[in-house]
């Protein structure tokens, strides 16, 4: 089992073996995901925003930002 110590500032140093296994380095982002009360999963955020491009293929119809804002405003007004 690999352990780390929390500093007085709430910081930890991730052990080298864990960093290597997760492929994270200086400046990389990580998430703490609660999987049960008192239990968290430590997950690297490695996917780039740009990797999502094309995930769902080309849209059948293009929509402008103005049209999206109108649709949101209409839907919001209809729920009141």
PDB file of N, CA and C in Angstrom:
ATOM      1  N   UNK A   1       0.848  -1.173   0.000  1.00  0.00           N
ATOM      2  CA  UNK A   1       0.000   0.000   0.000  1.00  0.00           C
ATOM      3  C   UNK A   1       0.892   1.233   0.000  1.00  0.00           C
ATOM      4  N   UNK A   2       0.539   2.223  -0.816  1.00  0.00           N
ATOM      5  CA  UNK A   2       1.274   3.469  -0.903  1.00  0.00           C
ATOM      6  C   UNK A   2       0.541   4.525  -0.087  1.00  0.00           C
ATOM      7  N   UNK A   3       1.280   5.312   0.696  1.00  0.00           N
ATOM      8  CA  UNK A   3       0.652   6.339   1.531  1.00  0.00           C
ATOM      9  C   UNK A   3       1.284   7.699   1.267  1.00  0.00           C
ATOM     10  N   UNK A   4       0.577   8.743   1.702  1.00  0.00           N
ATOM     11  CA  UNK A   4       1.074  10.114   1.625  1.00  0.00           C
ATOM     12  C   UNK A   4       0.620  10.831   2.883  1.00  0.00           C
ATOM     13  N   UNK A   5       1.287  11.919   3.212  1.00  0.00           N
ATOM     14  CA  UNK A   5       0.958  12.705   4.397  1.00  0.00           C
ATOM     15  C   UNK A   5       0.364  14.038   3.975  1.00  0.00           C
ATOM     16  N   UNK A   6      -0.693  14.457   4.649  1.00  0.00           N
ATOM     17  CA  UNK A   6      -1.319  15.748   4.387  1.00  0.00           C
ATOM     18  C   UNK A   6      -0.563  16.812   5.181  1.00  0.00           C
ATOM     19  N   UNK A   7      -0.179  17.900   4.496  1.00  0.00           N
ATOM     20  CA  UNK A   7       0.531  18.982   5.180  1.00  0.00           C
ATOM     21  C   UNK A   7      -0.471  19.885   5.905  1.00  0.00           C
ATOM     22  N   UNK A   8       0.048  20.842   6.667  1.00  0.00           N
ATOM     23  CA  UNK A   8      -0.827  21.782   7.382  1.00  0.00           C
ATOM     24  C   UNK A   8      -1.623  22.653   6.421  1.00  0.00           C
ATOM     25  N   UNK A   9      -1.173  22.764   5.169  1.00  0.00           N
ATOM     26  CA  UNK A   9      -1.897  23.528   4.152  1.00  0.00           C
ATOM     27  C   UNK A   9      -2.887  22.658   3.382  1.00  0.00           C
ATOM     28  N   UNK A  10      -3.026  21.392   3.755  1.00  0.00           N
ATOM     29  CA  UNK A  10      -3.968  20.499   3.077  1.00  0.00           C
ATOM     30  C   UNK A  10      -3.413  19.910   1.793  1.00  0.00           C
ATOM     31  N   UNK A  11      -2.115  19.953   1.607  1.00  0.00           N
ATOM     32  CA  UNK A  11      -1.493  19.438   0.398  1.00  0.00           C
ATOM     33  C   UNK A  11      -0.894  18.058   0.639  1.00  0.00           C
ATOM     34  N   UNK A  12      -0.821  17.286  -0.452  1.00  0.00           N
ATOM     35  CA  UNK A  12      -0.135  15.994  -0.383  1.00  0.00           C
ATOM     36  C   UNK A  12       0.817  15.889  -1.569  1.00  0.00           C
ATOM     37  N   UNK A  13       1.822  15.067  -1.419  1.00  0.00           N
ATOM     38  CA  UNK A  13       2.699  14.740  -2.531  1.00  0.00           C
ATOM     39  C   UNK A  13       2.303  13.347  -2.986  1.00  0.00           C
ATOM     40  N   UNK A  14       1.956  13.242  -4.262  1.00  0.00           N
ATOM     41  CA  UNK A  14       1.558  11.940  -4.803  1.00  0.00           C
ATOM     42  C   UNK A  14       2.835  11.134  -5.021  1.00  0.00           C
ATOM     43  N   UNK A  15       2.906   9.943  -4.452  1.00  0.00           N
ATOM     44  CA  UNK A  15       4.111   9.128  -4.614  1.00  0.00           C
ATOM     45  C   UNK A  15       4.422   8.857  -6.089  1.00  0.00           C
ATOM     46  N   UNK A  16       5.712   8.752  -6.401  1.00  0.00           N
ATOM     47  CA  UNK A  16       6.170   8.564  -7.777  1.00  0.00           C
ATOM     48  C   UNK A  16       5.497   7.374  -8.440  1.00  0.00           C
ATOM     49  N   UNK A  17       5.373   6.274  -7.740  1.00  0.00           N
ATOM     50  CA  UNK A  17       4.778   5.072  -8.347  1.00  0.00           C
ATOM     51  C   UNK A  17       3.327   5.318  -8.755  1.00  0.00           C
ATOM     52  N   UNK A  18       2.599   6.094  -7.962  1.00  0.00           N
ATOM     53  CA  UNK A  18       1.200   6.409  -8.281  1.00  0.00           C
ATOM     54  C   UNK A  18       1.143   7.380  -9.453  1.00  0.00           C
ATOM     55  N   UNK A  19       1.993   8.403  -9.445  1.00  0.00           N
ATOM     56  CA  UNK A  19       2.043   9.360 -10.574  1.00  0.00           C
ATOM     57  C   UNK A  19       2.366   8.645 -11.872  1.00  0.00           C
ATOM     58  N   UNK A  20       3.323   7.746 -11.830  1.00  0.00           N
ATOM     59  CA  UNK A  20       3.693   7.004 -13.041  1.00  0.00           C
ATOM     60  C   UNK A  20       2.550   6.120 -13.520  1.00  0.00           C
ATOM     61  N   UNK A  21       1.893   5.457 -12.600  1.00  0.00           N
ATOM     62  CA  UNK A  21       0.782   4.565 -12.954  1.00  0.00           C
ATOM     63  C   UNK A  21      -0.386   5.346 -13.563  1.00  0.00           C
ATOM     64  N   UNK A  22      -0.675   6.529 -13.002  1.00  0.00           N
ATOM     65  CA  UNK A  22      -1.782   7.353 -13.499  1.00  0.00           C
ATOM     66  C   UNK A  22      -1.368   8.260 -14.660  1.00  0.00           C
ATOM     67  N   UNK A  23      -0.064   8.285 -14.942  1.00  0.00           N
ATOM     68  CA  UNK A  23       0.477   9.132 -16.017  1.00  0.00           C
ATOM     69  C   UNK A  23       0.136  10.610 -15.796  1.00  0.00           C
ATOM     70  N   UNK A  24       0.366  11.085 -14.571  1.00  0.00           N
ATOM     71  CA  UNK A  24       0.150  12.491 -14.251  1.00  0.00           C
ATOM     72  C   UNK A  24       1.478  13.122 -13.850  1.00  0.00           C
ATOM     73  N   UNK A  25       1.584  14.406 -14.123  1.00  0.00           N
ATOM     74  CA  UNK A  25       2.793  15.132 -13.776  1.00  0.00           C
ATOM     75  C   UNK A  25       2.445  16.524 -13.302  1.00  0.00           C
ATOM     76  N   UNK A  26       3.452  17.347 -13.143  1.00  0.00           N
ATOM     77  CA  UNK A  26       3.269  18.713 -12.665  1.00  0.00           C
ATOM     78  C   UNK A  26       2.309  19.467 -13.568  1.00  0.00           C
ATOM     79  N   UNK A  27       1.323  20.118 -12.974  1.00  0.00           N
ATOM     80  CA  UNK A  27       0.356  20.912 -13.725  1.00  0.00           C
ATOM     81  C   UNK A  27      -0.861  20.143 -14.209  1.00  0.00           C
ATOM     82  N   UNK A  28      -0.829  18.817 -14.133  1.00  0.00           N
ATOM     83  CA  UNK A  28      -2.001  18.027 -14.552  1.00  0.00           C
ATOM     84  C   UNK A  28      -3.118  18.169 -13.528  1.00  0.00           C
ATOM     85  N   UNK A  29      -4.348  18.018 -13.999  1.00  0.00           N
ATOM     86  CA  UNK A  29      -5.510  18.124 -13.122  1.00  0.00           C
ATOM     87  C   UNK A  29      -5.984  16.724 -12.725  1.00  0.00           C
ATOM     88  N   UNK A  30      -6.535  16.623 -11.523  1.00  0.00           N
ATOM     89  CA  UNK A  30      -7.106  15.369 -11.038  1.00  0.00           C
ATOM     90  C   UNK A  30      -8.463  15.658 -10.415  1.00  0.00           C
ATOM     91  N   UNK A  31      -9.295  14.657 -10.355  1.00  0.00           N
ATOM     92  CA  UNK A  31     -10.611  14.780  -9.719  1.00  0.00           C
ATOM     93  C   UNK A  31     -10.696  13.814  -8.553  1.00  0.00           C
ATOM     94  N   UNK A  32     -11.460  14.203  -7.545  1.00  0.00           N
ATOM     95  CA  UNK A  32     -11.773  13.334  -6.423  1.00  0.00           C
ATOM     96  C   UNK A  32     -13.260  13.028  -6.535  1.00  0.00           C
ATOM     97  N   UNK A  33     -13.605  11.801  -6.825  1.00  0.00           N
ATOM     98  CA  UNK A  33     -14.995  11.401  -7.041  1.00  0.00           C
ATOM     99  C   UNK A  33     -15.453  10.566  -5.854  1.00  0.00           C
ATOM    100  N   UNK A  34     -16.526  11.031  -5.199  1.00  0.00           N
ATOM    101  CA  UNK A  34     -17.041  10.289  -4.044  1.00  0.00           C
ATOM    102  C   UNK A  34     -17.755   9.043  -4.542  1.00  0.00           C
ATOM    103  N   UNK A  35     -17.297   7.877  -4.093  1.00  0.00           N
ATOM    104  CA  UNK A  35     -17.910   6.616  -4.503  1.00  0.00           C
ATOM    105  C   UNK A  35     -18.762   6.011  -3.395  1.00  0.00           C
ATOM    106  N   UNK A  36     -18.576   6.500  -2.180  1.00  0.00           N
ATOM    107  CA  UNK A  36     -19.373   6.085  -1.016  1.00  0.00           C
ATOM    108  C   UNK A  36     -19.051   7.085   0.087  1.00  0.00           C
ATOM    109  N   UNK A  37     -19.900   7.182   1.113  1.00  0.00           N
ATOM    110  CA  UNK A  37     -19.583   8.102   2.209  1.00  0.00           C
ATOM    111  C   UNK A  37     -18.194   7.804   2.790  1.00  0.00           C
ATOM    112  N   UNK A  38     -17.334   8.803   2.782  1.00  0.00           N
ATOM    113  CA  UNK A  38     -15.993   8.631   3.322  1.00  0.00           C
ATOM    114  C   UNK A  38     -15.007   7.950   2.383  1.00  0.00           C
ATOM    115  N   UNK A  39     -15.417   7.642   1.146  1.00  0.00           N
ATOM    116  CA  UNK A  39     -14.526   6.972   0.179  1.00  0.00           C
ATOM    117  C   UNK A  39     -14.520   7.748  -1.129  1.00  0.00           C
ATOM    118  N   UNK A  40     -13.323   8.023  -1.619  1.00  0.00           N
ATOM    119  CA  UNK A  40     -13.158   8.788  -2.852  1.00  0.00           C
ATOM    120  C   UNK A  40     -12.253   8.050  -3.820  1.00  0.00           C
ATOM    121  N   UNK A  41     -12.491   8.298  -5.082  1.00  0.00           N
ATOM    122  CA  UNK A  41     -11.634   7.779  -6.136  1.00  0.00           C
ATOM    123  C   UNK A  41     -10.838   8.961  -6.692  1.00  0.00           C
ATOM    124  N   UNK A  42      -9.558   8.773  -6.869  1.00  0.00           N
ATOM    125  CA  UNK A  42      -8.644   9.803  -7.351  1.00  0.00           C
ATOM    126  C   UNK A  42      -8.405   9.518  -8.831  1.00  0.00           C
ATOM    127  N   UNK A  43      -8.877  10.410  -9.711  1.00  0.00           N
ATOM    128  CA  UNK A  43      -8.861  10.144 -11.144  1.00  0.00           C
ATOM    129  C   UNK A  43      -8.173  11.282 -11.891  1.00  0.00           C
ATOM    130  N   UNK A  44      -7.213  10.961 -12.763  1.00  0.00           N
ATOM    131  CA  UNK A  44      -6.598  12.029 -13.550  1.00  0.00           C
ATOM    132  C   UNK A  44      -7.562  12.550 -14.603  1.00  0.00           C
ATOM    133  N   UNK A  45      -7.524  13.853 -14.846  1.00  0.00           N
ATOM    134  CA  UNK A  45      -8.332  14.465 -15.895  1.00  0.00           C
ATOM    135  C   UNK A  45      -7.380  14.626 -17.080  1.00  0.00           C
ATOM    136  N   UNK A  46      -7.352  13.606 -17.925  1.00  0.00           N
ATOM    137  CA  UNK A  46      -6.356  13.585 -18.993  1.00  0.00           C
ATOM    138  C   UNK A  46      -6.928  13.916 -20.358  1.00  0.00           C
ATOM    139  N   UNK A  47      -8.226  13.808 -20.530  1.00  0.00           N
ATOM    140  CA  UNK A  47      -8.816  14.059 -21.843  1.00  0.00           C
ATOM    141  C   UNK A  47      -8.844  15.552 -22.128  1.00  0.00           C
ATOM    142  N   UNK A  48      -8.390  15.906 -23.302  1.00  0.00           N
ATOM    143  CA  UNK A  48      -8.435  17.293 -23.731  1.00  0.00           C
ATOM    144  C   UNK A  48      -9.817  17.604 -24.267  1.00  0.00           C
ATOM    145  N   UNK A  49     -10.222  18.837 -24.113  1.00  0.00           N
ATOM    146  CA  UNK A  49     -11.504  19.293 -24.647  1.00  0.00           C
ATOM    147  C   UNK A  49     -11.577  19.014 -26.148  1.00  0.00           C
ATOM    148  N   UNK A  50     -10.468  19.180 -26.809  1.00  0.00           N
ATOM    149  CA  UNK A  50     -10.431  19.012 -28.263  1.00  0.00           C
ATOM    150  C   UNK A  50     -10.636  17.548 -28.685  1.00  0.00           C
ATOM    151  N   UNK A  51     -10.377  16.600 -27.792  1.00  0.00           N
ATOM    152  CA  UNK A  51     -10.582  15.188 -28.116  1.00  0.00           C
ATOM    153  C   UNK A  51     -12.065  14.847 -28.239  1.00  0.00           C
ATOM    154  N   UNK A  52     -12.935  15.708 -27.734  1.00  0.00           N
ATOM    155  CA  UNK A  52     -14.371  15.460 -27.805  1.00  0.00           C
ATOM    156  C   UNK A  52     -14.954  15.814 -29.175  1.00  0.00           C
ATOM    157  N   UNK A  53     -14.204  16.585 -29.956  1.00  0.00           N
ATOM    158  CA  UNK A  53     -14.687  17.033 -31.264  1.00  0.00           C
ATOM    159  C   UNK A  53     -15.009  15.820 -32.143  1.00  0.00           C
ATOM    160  N   UNK A  54     -16.200  15.846 -32.727  1.00  0.00           N
ATOM    161  CA  UNK A  54     -16.618  14.782 -33.628  1.00  0.00           C
ATOM    162  C   UNK A  54     -17.142  13.536 -32.945  1.00  0.00           C
ATOM    163  N   UNK A  55     -17.273  13.578 -31.641  1.00  0.00           N
ATOM    164  CA  UNK A  55     -17.704  12.403 -30.898  1.00  0.00           C
ATOM    165  C   UNK A  55     -19.089  11.917 -31.342  1.00  0.00           C
ATOM    166  N   UNK A  56     -19.958  12.851 -31.712  1.00  0.00           N
ATOM    167  CA  UNK A  56     -21.322  12.487 -32.086  1.00  0.00           C
ATOM    168  C   UNK A  56     -21.598  12.688 -33.564  1.00  0.00           C
ATOM    169  N   UNK A  57     -20.587  12.913 -34.353  1.00  0.00           N
ATOM    170  CA  UNK A  57     -20.784  13.120 -35.782  1.00  0.00           C
ATOM    171  C   UNK A  57     -21.296  14.516 -36.078  1.00  0.00           C
ATOM    172  N   UNK A  58     -21.566  14.751 -37.340  1.00  0.00           N
ATOM    173  CA  UNK A  58     -22.046  16.069 -37.764  1.00  0.00           C
ATOM    174  C   UNK A  58     -23.522  16.220 -37.399  1.00  0.00           C
ATOM    175  N   UNK A  59     -23.923  17.406 -36.953  1.00  0.00           N
ATOM    176  CA  UNK A  59     -25.340  17.626 -36.635  1.00  0.00           C
ATOM    177  C   UNK A  59     -26.173  17.661 -37.912  1.00  0.00           C
ATOM    178  N   UNK A  60     -27.409  17.189 -37.823  1.00  0.00           N
ATOM    179  CA  UNK A  60     -28.309  17.199 -38.978  1.00  0.00           C
ATOM    180  C   UNK A  60     -28.687  18.631 -39.335  1.00  0.00           C
ATOM    181  N   UNK A  61     -28.757  19.489 -38.331  1.00  0.00           N
ATOM    182  CA  UNK A  61     -29.146  20.881 -38.542  1.00  0.00           C
ATOM    183  C   UNK A  61     -28.265  21.767 -37.677  1.00  0.00           C
ATOM    184  N   UNK A  62     -27.711  22.809 -38.266  1.00  0.00           N
ATOM    185  CA  UNK A  62     -26.906  23.728 -37.464  1.00  0.00           C
ATOM    186  C   UNK A  62     -27.824  24.749 -36.798  1.00  0.00           C
ATOM    187  N   UNK A  63     -27.442  25.158 -35.604  1.00  0.00           N
ATOM    188  CA  UNK A  63     -28.235  26.105 -34.836  1.00  0.00           C
ATOM    189  C   UNK A  63     -27.301  27.210 -34.362  1.00  0.00           C
ATOM    190  N   UNK A  64     -27.731  28.450 -34.515  1.00  0.00           N
ATOM    191  CA  UNK A  64     -26.919  29.580 -34.076  1.00  0.00           C
ATOM    192  C   UNK A  64     -27.038  29.757 -32.564  1.00  0.00           C
ATOM    193  N   UNK A  65     -26.105  30.480 -32.002  1.00  0.00           N
ATOM    194  CA  UNK A  65     -26.136  30.776 -30.572  1.00  0.00           C
ATOM    195  C   UNK A  65     -27.387  31.580 -30.238  1.00  0.00           C
ATOM    196  N   UNK A  66     -27.765  32.499 -31.134  1.00  0.00           N
ATOM    197  CA  UNK A  66     -28.960  33.301 -30.910  1.00  0.00           C
ATOM    198  C   UNK A  66     -30.211  32.415 -30.843  1.00  0.00           C
ATOM    199  N   UNK A  67     -30.306  31.429 -31.747  1.00  0.00           N
ATOM    200  CA  UNK A  67     -31.445  30.501 -31.727  1.00  0.00           C
ATOM    201  C   UNK A  67     -31.460  29.668 -30.446  1.00  0.00           C
ATOM    202  N   UNK A  68     -30.269  29.259 -29.987  1.00  0.00           N
ATOM    203  CA  UNK A  68     -30.198  28.487 -28.738  1.00  0.00           C
ATOM    204  C   UNK A  68     -30.686  29.337 -27.568  1.00  0.00           C
ATOM    205  N   UNK A  69     -30.236  30.593 -27.520  1.00  0.00           N
ATOM    206  CA  UNK A  69     -30.657  31.484 -26.438  1.00  0.00           C
ATOM    207  C   UNK A  69     -32.167  31.727 -26.461  1.00  0.00           C
ATOM    208  N   UNK A  70     -32.745  31.876 -27.661  1.00  0.00           N
ATOM    209  CA  UNK A  70     -34.199  32.050 -27.777  1.00  0.00           C
ATOM    210  C   UNK A  70     -34.938  30.819 -27.257  1.00  0.00           C
ATOM    211  N   UNK A  71     -34.453  29.632 -27.633  1.00  0.00           N
ATOM    212  CA  UNK A  71     -35.096  28.392 -27.194  1.00  0.00           C
ATOM    213  C   UNK A  71     -35.019  28.252 -25.673  1.00  0.00           C
ATOM    214  N   UNK A  72     -33.890  28.604 -25.107  1.00  0.00           N
ATOM    215  CA  UNK A  72     -33.733  28.533 -23.648  1.00  0.00           C
ATOM    216  C   UNK A  72     -34.672  29.512 -22.972  1.00  0.00           C
ATOM    217  N   UNK A  73     -34.766  30.737 -23.497  1.00  0.00           N
ATOM    218  CA  UNK A  73     -35.645  31.749 -22.915  1.00  0.00           C
ATOM    219  C   UNK A  73     -37.109  31.323 -23.013  1.00  0.00           C
ATOM    220  N   UNK A  74     -37.497  30.757 -24.160  1.00  0.00           N
ATOM    221  CA  UNK A  74     -38.898  30.302 -24.330  1.00  0.00           C
ATOM    222  C   UNK A  74     -39.200  29.161 -23.358  1.00  0.00           C
ATOM    223  N   UNK A  75     -38.305  28.235 -23.226  1.00  0.00           N
ATOM    224  CA  UNK A  75     -38.529  27.098 -22.324  1.00  0.00           C
ATOM    225  C   UNK A  75     -38.605  27.592 -20.876  1.00  0.00           C
ATOM    226  N   UNK A  76     -37.739  28.535 -20.522  1.00  0.00           N
ATOM    227  CA  UNK A  76     -37.767  29.086 -19.173  1.00  0.00           C
ATOM    228  C   UNK A  76     -39.065  29.824 -18.895  1.00  0.00           C
ATOM    229  N   UNK A  77     -39.569  30.565 -19.889  1.00  0.00           N
ATOM    230  CA  UNK A  77     -40.811  31.301 -19.719  1.00  0.00           C
ATOM    231  C   UNK A  77     -42.000  30.359 -19.616  1.00  0.00           C
ATOM    232  N   UNK A  78     -41.945  29.217 -20.288  1.00  0.00           N
ATOM    233  CA  UNK A  78     -43.091  28.278 -20.270  1.00  0.00           C
ATOM    234  C   UNK A  78     -43.190  27.501 -18.962  1.00  0.00           C
ATOM    235  N   UNK A  79     -42.139  27.481 -18.163  1.00  0.00           N
ATOM    236  CA  UNK A  79     -42.187  26.748 -16.894  1.00  0.00           C
ATOM    237  C   UNK A  79     -42.669  27.615 -15.735  1.00  0.00           C
ATOM    238  N   UNK A  80     -42.882  28.897 -15.985  1.00  0.00           N
ATOM    239  CA  UNK A  80     -43.310  29.799 -14.903  1.00  0.00           C
ATOM    240  C   UNK A  80     -44.794  29.788 -14.744  1.00  0.00           C
TER     241      UNK A  80
END
